[in-house]
Amino acid sequence: MGERGGTTFRRTAPAPDHRPCAAAAARIVLFDEATSAVDRLSENQINRAVEELGEGTTVIVVSHKPSAVLRAEKTYILCEGRVEDSGRHEELLKRNDFYRALAAEA
């Protein structure tokens, strides 16, 4: 019994990690700033893994790095909770000053 009446549980052996299996079977996968605090090599590996999720999976990537969405079907630019613009990387570079400035910083 724990301090406040709840039961306590102590694991005696490490549990298997089922996250990779869950991601492979998911129809919608959300990556929220998945590459924000990693080096360039790790970022490339994460971006490749996202691409390999394959057909039939909707992948939503939240990022401040244009490199994380280079090959996305559609990228949405949000400003104060509203969609300001959307399109592919090349289209946004041509017409959206904010996206162009963000890409220049990368």
N, C-alpha and C. Protein backbone atom coordinates (compact mmCIF):
# COMPACT_ATOMS: atom_id res chain seq x y z
N MET A 1 0.84 -1.16 0.00
CA MET A 1 0.00 0.00 0.00
C MET A 1 0.90 1.23 0.00
N GLY A 2 0.58 2.20 -0.84
CA GLY A 2 1.35 3.43 -0.93
C GLY A 2 0.96 4.43 0.14
N GLU A 3 1.64 5.58 0.15
CA GLU A 3 1.41 6.61 1.16
C GLU A 3 -0.04 7.08 1.24
N ARG A 4 -0.67 7.26 0.12
CA ARG A 4 -2.02 7.81 0.09
C ARG A 4 -3.07 6.73 -0.17
N GLY A 5 -2.80 5.53 0.18
CA GLY A 5 -3.78 4.46 0.02
C GLY A 5 -3.70 3.72 -1.29
N GLY A 6 -2.95 4.23 -2.25
CA GLY A 6 -2.84 3.55 -3.53
C GLY A 6 -1.86 2.40 -3.45
N THR A 7 -1.97 1.50 -4.38
CA THR A 7 -1.03 0.38 -4.38
C THR A 7 0.24 0.80 -5.09
N THR A 8 1.33 0.20 -4.71
CA THR A 8 2.59 0.46 -5.39
C THR A 8 2.96 -0.79 -6.17
N PHE A 9 3.65 -0.59 -7.26
CA PHE A 9 4.03 -1.69 -8.12
C PHE A 9 5.50 -1.54 -8.44
N ARG A 10 6.25 -2.58 -8.25
CA ARG A 10 7.66 -2.55 -8.57
C ARG A 10 7.93 -3.58 -9.65
N ARG A 11 8.49 -3.12 -10.76
CA ARG A 11 8.80 -4.02 -11.87
C ARG A 11 10.11 -4.74 -11.54
N THR A 12 10.11 -6.05 -11.71
CA THR A 12 11.32 -6.82 -11.39
C THR A 12 12.16 -7.10 -12.63
N ALA A 13 11.55 -6.95 -13.79
CA ALA A 13 12.29 -7.17 -15.03
C ALA A 13 11.88 -6.09 -16.02
N PRO A 14 12.79 -5.67 -16.90
CA PRO A 14 12.42 -4.64 -17.86
C PRO A 14 11.32 -5.12 -18.81
N ALA A 15 10.39 -4.24 -19.09
CA ALA A 15 9.30 -4.58 -20.02
C ALA A 15 9.80 -4.41 -21.45
N PRO A 16 9.29 -5.19 -22.37
CA PRO A 16 9.70 -5.00 -23.77
C PRO A 16 9.15 -3.67 -24.28
N ASP A 17 9.87 -3.07 -25.20
CA ASP A 17 9.45 -1.79 -25.76
C ASP A 17 8.55 -2.05 -26.96
N HIS A 18 7.27 -1.70 -26.84
CA HIS A 18 6.30 -1.96 -27.91
C HIS A 18 6.07 -0.74 -28.79
N ARG A 19 6.72 0.38 -28.51
CA ARG A 19 6.48 1.58 -29.29
C ARG A 19 6.75 1.42 -30.78
N PRO A 20 7.85 0.80 -31.22
CA PRO A 20 8.05 0.66 -32.66
C PRO A 20 6.92 -0.12 -33.33
N CYS A 21 6.41 -1.15 -32.68
CA CYS A 21 5.30 -1.93 -33.25
C CYS A 21 4.05 -1.08 -33.33
N ALA A 22 3.79 -0.28 -32.31
CA ALA A 22 2.60 0.56 -32.30
C ALA A 22 2.67 1.59 -33.42
N ALA A 23 3.83 2.18 -33.64
CA ALA A 23 3.97 3.17 -34.71
C ALA A 23 3.78 2.52 -36.07
N ALA A 24 4.28 1.33 -36.26
CA ALA A 24 4.15 0.66 -37.55
C ALA A 24 2.70 0.31 -37.86
N ALA A 25 1.89 0.05 -36.84
CA ALA A 25 0.50 -0.34 -37.06
C ALA A 25 -0.45 0.85 -37.05
N ALA A 26 0.01 2.03 -36.68
CA ALA A 26 -0.86 3.20 -36.56
C ALA A 26 -1.26 3.74 -37.92
N ARG A 27 -2.45 4.31 -37.98
CA ARG A 27 -2.90 4.98 -39.21
C ARG A 27 -2.59 6.46 -39.18
N ILE A 28 -2.48 7.01 -37.97
CA ILE A 28 -2.10 8.42 -37.79
C ILE A 28 -0.96 8.46 -36.78
N VAL A 29 0.13 9.12 -37.16
CA VAL A 29 1.28 9.25 -36.28
C VAL A 29 1.62 10.74 -36.17
N LEU A 30 1.80 11.22 -34.94
CA LEU A 30 2.12 12.62 -34.70
C LEU A 30 3.54 12.73 -34.15
N PHE A 31 4.35 13.55 -34.81
CA PHE A 31 5.70 13.85 -34.34
C PHE A 31 5.71 15.33 -33.96
N ASP A 32 5.83 15.63 -32.68
CA ASP A 32 5.82 17.00 -32.20
C ASP A 32 7.25 17.42 -31.87
N GLU A 33 7.84 18.22 -32.75
CA GLU A 33 9.21 18.70 -32.58
C GLU A 33 10.19 17.54 -32.37
N ALA A 34 10.04 16.49 -33.16
CA ALA A 34 10.86 15.28 -33.02
C ALA A 34 12.34 15.54 -33.28
N THR A 35 12.66 16.57 -34.05
CA THR A 35 14.06 16.84 -34.39
C THR A 35 14.58 18.13 -33.76
N SER A 36 13.88 18.67 -32.79
CA SER A 36 14.25 19.98 -32.25
C SER A 36 15.55 19.98 -31.46
N ALA A 37 15.91 18.87 -30.84
CA ALA A 37 17.09 18.86 -29.96
C ALA A 37 18.07 17.75 -30.32
N VAL A 38 18.20 17.47 -31.61
CA VAL A 38 19.12 16.42 -32.03
C VAL A 38 20.13 16.97 -33.04
N ASP A 39 21.22 16.25 -33.21
CA ASP A 39 22.23 16.67 -34.18
C ASP A 39 21.74 16.34 -35.60
N ARG A 40 22.48 16.82 -36.58
CA ARG A 40 22.09 16.67 -37.99
C ARG A 40 21.94 15.21 -38.41
N LEU A 41 22.85 14.34 -37.97
CA LEU A 41 22.79 12.92 -38.31
C LEU A 41 21.51 12.29 -37.76
N SER A 42 21.22 12.55 -36.50
CA SER A 42 20.00 12.00 -35.89
C SER A 42 18.76 12.57 -36.58
N GLU A 43 18.79 13.85 -36.92
CA GLU A 43 17.67 14.47 -37.62
C GLU A 43 17.40 13.77 -38.95
N ASN A 44 18.47 13.48 -39.70
CA ASN A 44 18.31 12.78 -40.98
C ASN A 44 17.73 11.39 -40.78
N GLN A 45 18.17 10.69 -39.74
CA GLN A 45 17.65 9.35 -39.46
C GLN A 45 16.17 9.41 -39.10
N ILE A 46 15.79 10.38 -38.30
CA ILE A 46 14.37 10.54 -37.93
C ILE A 46 13.54 10.87 -39.16
N ASN A 47 14.02 11.78 -39.99
CA ASN A 47 13.27 12.16 -41.20
C ASN A 47 13.11 10.97 -42.14
N ARG A 48 14.14 10.13 -42.27
CA ARG A 48 14.03 8.93 -43.11
C ARG A 48 13.00 7.96 -42.53
N ALA A 49 13.01 7.79 -41.22
CA ALA A 49 12.05 6.89 -40.56
C ALA A 49 10.62 7.38 -40.78
N VAL A 50 10.42 8.68 -40.72
CA VAL A 50 9.09 9.25 -40.97
C VAL A 50 8.65 8.93 -42.39
N GLU A 51 9.54 9.10 -43.35
CA GLU A 51 9.22 8.81 -44.75
C GLU A 51 8.89 7.33 -44.97
N GLU A 52 9.53 6.45 -44.22
CA GLU A 52 9.35 5.01 -44.40
C GLU A 52 8.07 4.46 -43.78
N LEU A 53 7.31 5.29 -43.09
CA LEU A 53 6.07 4.80 -42.49
C LEU A 53 5.11 4.28 -43.56
N GLY A 54 5.19 4.85 -44.75
CA GLY A 54 4.51 4.25 -45.89
C GLY A 54 3.08 4.64 -46.14
N GLU A 55 2.55 4.00 -47.18
CA GLU A 55 1.18 4.22 -47.62
C GLU A 55 0.19 3.85 -46.53
N GLY A 56 -0.93 4.54 -46.52
CA GLY A 56 -1.97 4.21 -45.56
C GLY A 56 -1.76 4.80 -44.18
N THR A 57 -0.70 5.59 -44.01
CA THR A 57 -0.43 6.21 -42.72
C THR A 57 -0.42 7.72 -42.91
N THR A 58 -1.19 8.41 -42.09
CA THR A 58 -1.16 9.87 -42.07
C THR A 58 -0.12 10.28 -41.05
N VAL A 59 0.84 11.07 -41.49
CA VAL A 59 1.91 11.52 -40.61
C VAL A 59 1.78 13.03 -40.44
N ILE A 60 1.68 13.46 -39.19
CA ILE A 60 1.61 14.89 -38.88
C ILE A 60 2.91 15.24 -38.17
N VAL A 61 3.64 16.20 -38.75
CA VAL A 61 4.91 16.62 -38.19
C VAL A 61 4.78 18.08 -37.76
N VAL A 62 4.97 18.34 -36.48
CA VAL A 62 4.99 19.70 -35.94
C VAL A 62 6.45 20.07 -35.80
N SER A 63 6.86 21.14 -36.49
CA SER A 63 8.28 21.50 -36.46
C SER A 63 8.49 22.96 -36.80
N HIS A 64 9.56 23.51 -36.27
CA HIS A 64 10.01 24.84 -36.65
C HIS A 64 11.13 24.74 -37.68
N LYS A 65 11.45 23.51 -38.10
CA LYS A 65 12.54 23.29 -39.06
C LYS A 65 11.96 22.88 -40.41
N PRO A 66 12.13 23.70 -41.44
CA PRO A 66 11.67 23.30 -42.76
C PRO A 66 12.28 21.97 -43.24
N SER A 67 13.48 21.63 -42.75
CA SER A 67 14.11 20.37 -43.16
C SER A 67 13.27 19.17 -42.75
N ALA A 68 12.43 19.32 -41.73
CA ALA A 68 11.59 18.21 -41.26
C ALA A 68 10.40 17.96 -42.17
N VAL A 69 10.10 18.92 -43.05
CA VAL A 69 8.91 18.79 -43.90
C VAL A 69 9.22 18.98 -45.39
N LEU A 70 10.47 18.81 -45.76
CA LEU A 70 10.87 19.04 -47.16
C LEU A 70 10.06 18.24 -48.16
N ARG A 71 9.77 16.99 -47.86
CA ARG A 71 9.08 16.13 -48.82
C ARG A 71 7.61 15.89 -48.45
N ALA A 72 7.08 16.75 -47.60
CA ALA A 72 5.68 16.59 -47.19
C ALA A 72 4.74 16.90 -48.36
N GLU A 73 3.62 16.19 -48.40
CA GLU A 73 2.60 16.49 -49.42
C GLU A 73 2.06 17.89 -49.24
N LYS A 74 1.88 18.30 -47.98
CA LYS A 74 1.38 19.63 -47.70
C LYS A 74 1.92 20.09 -46.36
N THR A 75 2.36 21.34 -46.33
CA THR A 75 2.85 21.97 -45.12
C THR A 75 1.92 23.12 -44.80
N TYR A 76 1.57 23.25 -43.52
CA TYR A 76 0.70 24.33 -43.08
C TYR A 76 1.51 25.30 -42.23
N ILE A 77 1.38 26.59 -42.51
CA ILE A 77 2.02 27.63 -41.73
C ILE A 77 0.96 28.17 -40.78
N LEU A 78 1.20 28.03 -39.48
CA LEU A 78 0.25 28.51 -38.48
C LEU A 78 0.76 29.80 -37.86
N CYS A 79 -0.16 30.74 -37.66
CA CYS A 79 0.16 32.00 -37.03
C CYS A 79 -0.97 32.34 -36.06
N GLU A 80 -0.62 32.41 -34.78
CA GLU A 80 -1.60 32.70 -33.74
C GLU A 80 -2.81 31.77 -33.80
N GLY A 81 -2.54 30.49 -34.05
CA GLY A 81 -3.59 29.47 -34.03
C GLY A 81 -4.41 29.36 -35.31
N ARG A 82 -4.07 30.14 -36.33
CA ARG A 82 -4.81 30.07 -37.60
C ARG A 82 -3.87 29.65 -38.72
N VAL A 83 -4.43 28.99 -39.73
CA VAL A 83 -3.63 28.60 -40.90
C VAL A 83 -3.43 29.85 -41.75
N GLU A 84 -2.16 30.24 -41.87
CA GLU A 84 -1.81 31.42 -42.66
C GLU A 84 -1.57 31.07 -44.12
N ASP A 85 -1.00 29.88 -44.36
CA ASP A 85 -0.68 29.46 -45.72
C ASP A 85 -0.48 27.95 -45.72
N SER A 86 -0.52 27.35 -46.89
CA SER A 86 -0.23 25.92 -47.01
C SER A 86 0.27 25.64 -48.41
N GLY A 87 1.02 24.55 -48.53
CA GLY A 87 1.55 24.15 -49.82
C GLY A 87 2.76 23.26 -49.64
N ARG A 88 3.39 22.95 -50.76
CA ARG A 88 4.62 22.17 -50.72
C ARG A 88 5.78 23.12 -50.43
N HIS A 89 6.91 22.55 -50.04
CA HIS A 89 8.10 23.32 -49.67
C HIS A 89 8.45 24.36 -50.74
N GLU A 90 8.54 23.95 -51.98
CA GLU A 90 8.95 24.85 -53.06
C GLU A 90 7.96 26.00 -53.23
N GLU A 91 6.66 25.71 -53.13
CA GLU A 91 5.63 26.73 -53.27
C GLU A 91 5.73 27.76 -52.14
N LEU A 92 5.92 27.28 -50.92
CA LEU A 92 6.01 28.18 -49.77
C LEU A 92 7.25 29.05 -49.83
N LEU A 93 8.35 28.50 -50.32
CA LEU A 93 9.57 29.30 -50.47
C LEU A 93 9.35 30.48 -51.40
N LYS A 94 8.56 30.29 -52.44
CA LYS A 94 8.30 31.34 -53.42
C LYS A 94 7.38 32.43 -52.90
N ARG A 95 6.37 32.07 -52.12
CA ARG A 95 5.34 33.05 -51.81
C ARG A 95 5.20 33.45 -50.34
N ASN A 96 5.86 32.75 -49.41
CA ASN A 96 5.64 33.04 -48.00
C ASN A 96 6.92 33.56 -47.35
N ASP A 97 6.93 34.85 -47.00
CA ASP A 97 8.13 35.48 -46.43
C ASP A 97 8.57 34.81 -45.12
N PHE A 98 7.62 34.48 -44.25
CA PHE A 98 7.95 33.84 -42.98
C PHE A 98 8.62 32.49 -43.21
N TYR A 99 8.07 31.67 -44.10
CA TYR A 99 8.64 30.36 -44.37
C TYR A 99 10.03 30.50 -45.00
N ARG A 100 10.17 31.45 -45.89
CA ARG A 100 11.46 31.68 -46.55
C ARG A 100 12.51 32.08 -45.51
N ALA A 101 12.15 32.94 -44.56
CA ALA A 101 13.09 33.36 -43.51
C ALA A 101 13.44 32.19 -42.60
N LEU A 102 12.46 31.37 -42.29
CA LEU A 102 12.70 30.19 -41.46
C LEU A 102 13.65 29.22 -42.15
N ALA A 103 13.45 29.03 -43.45
CA ALA A 103 14.30 28.13 -44.23
C ALA A 103 15.73 28.68 -44.33
N ALA A 104 15.87 29.99 -44.40
CA ALA A 104 17.19 30.60 -44.50
C ALA A 104 18.00 30.41 -43.22
N GLU A 105 17.32 30.31 -42.08
CA GLU A 105 17.99 30.11 -40.79
C GLU A 105 18.52 28.69 -40.63
N ALA A 106 17.91 27.75 -41.34
CA ALA A 106 18.26 26.34 -41.17
C ALA A 106 19.61 26.00 -41.70
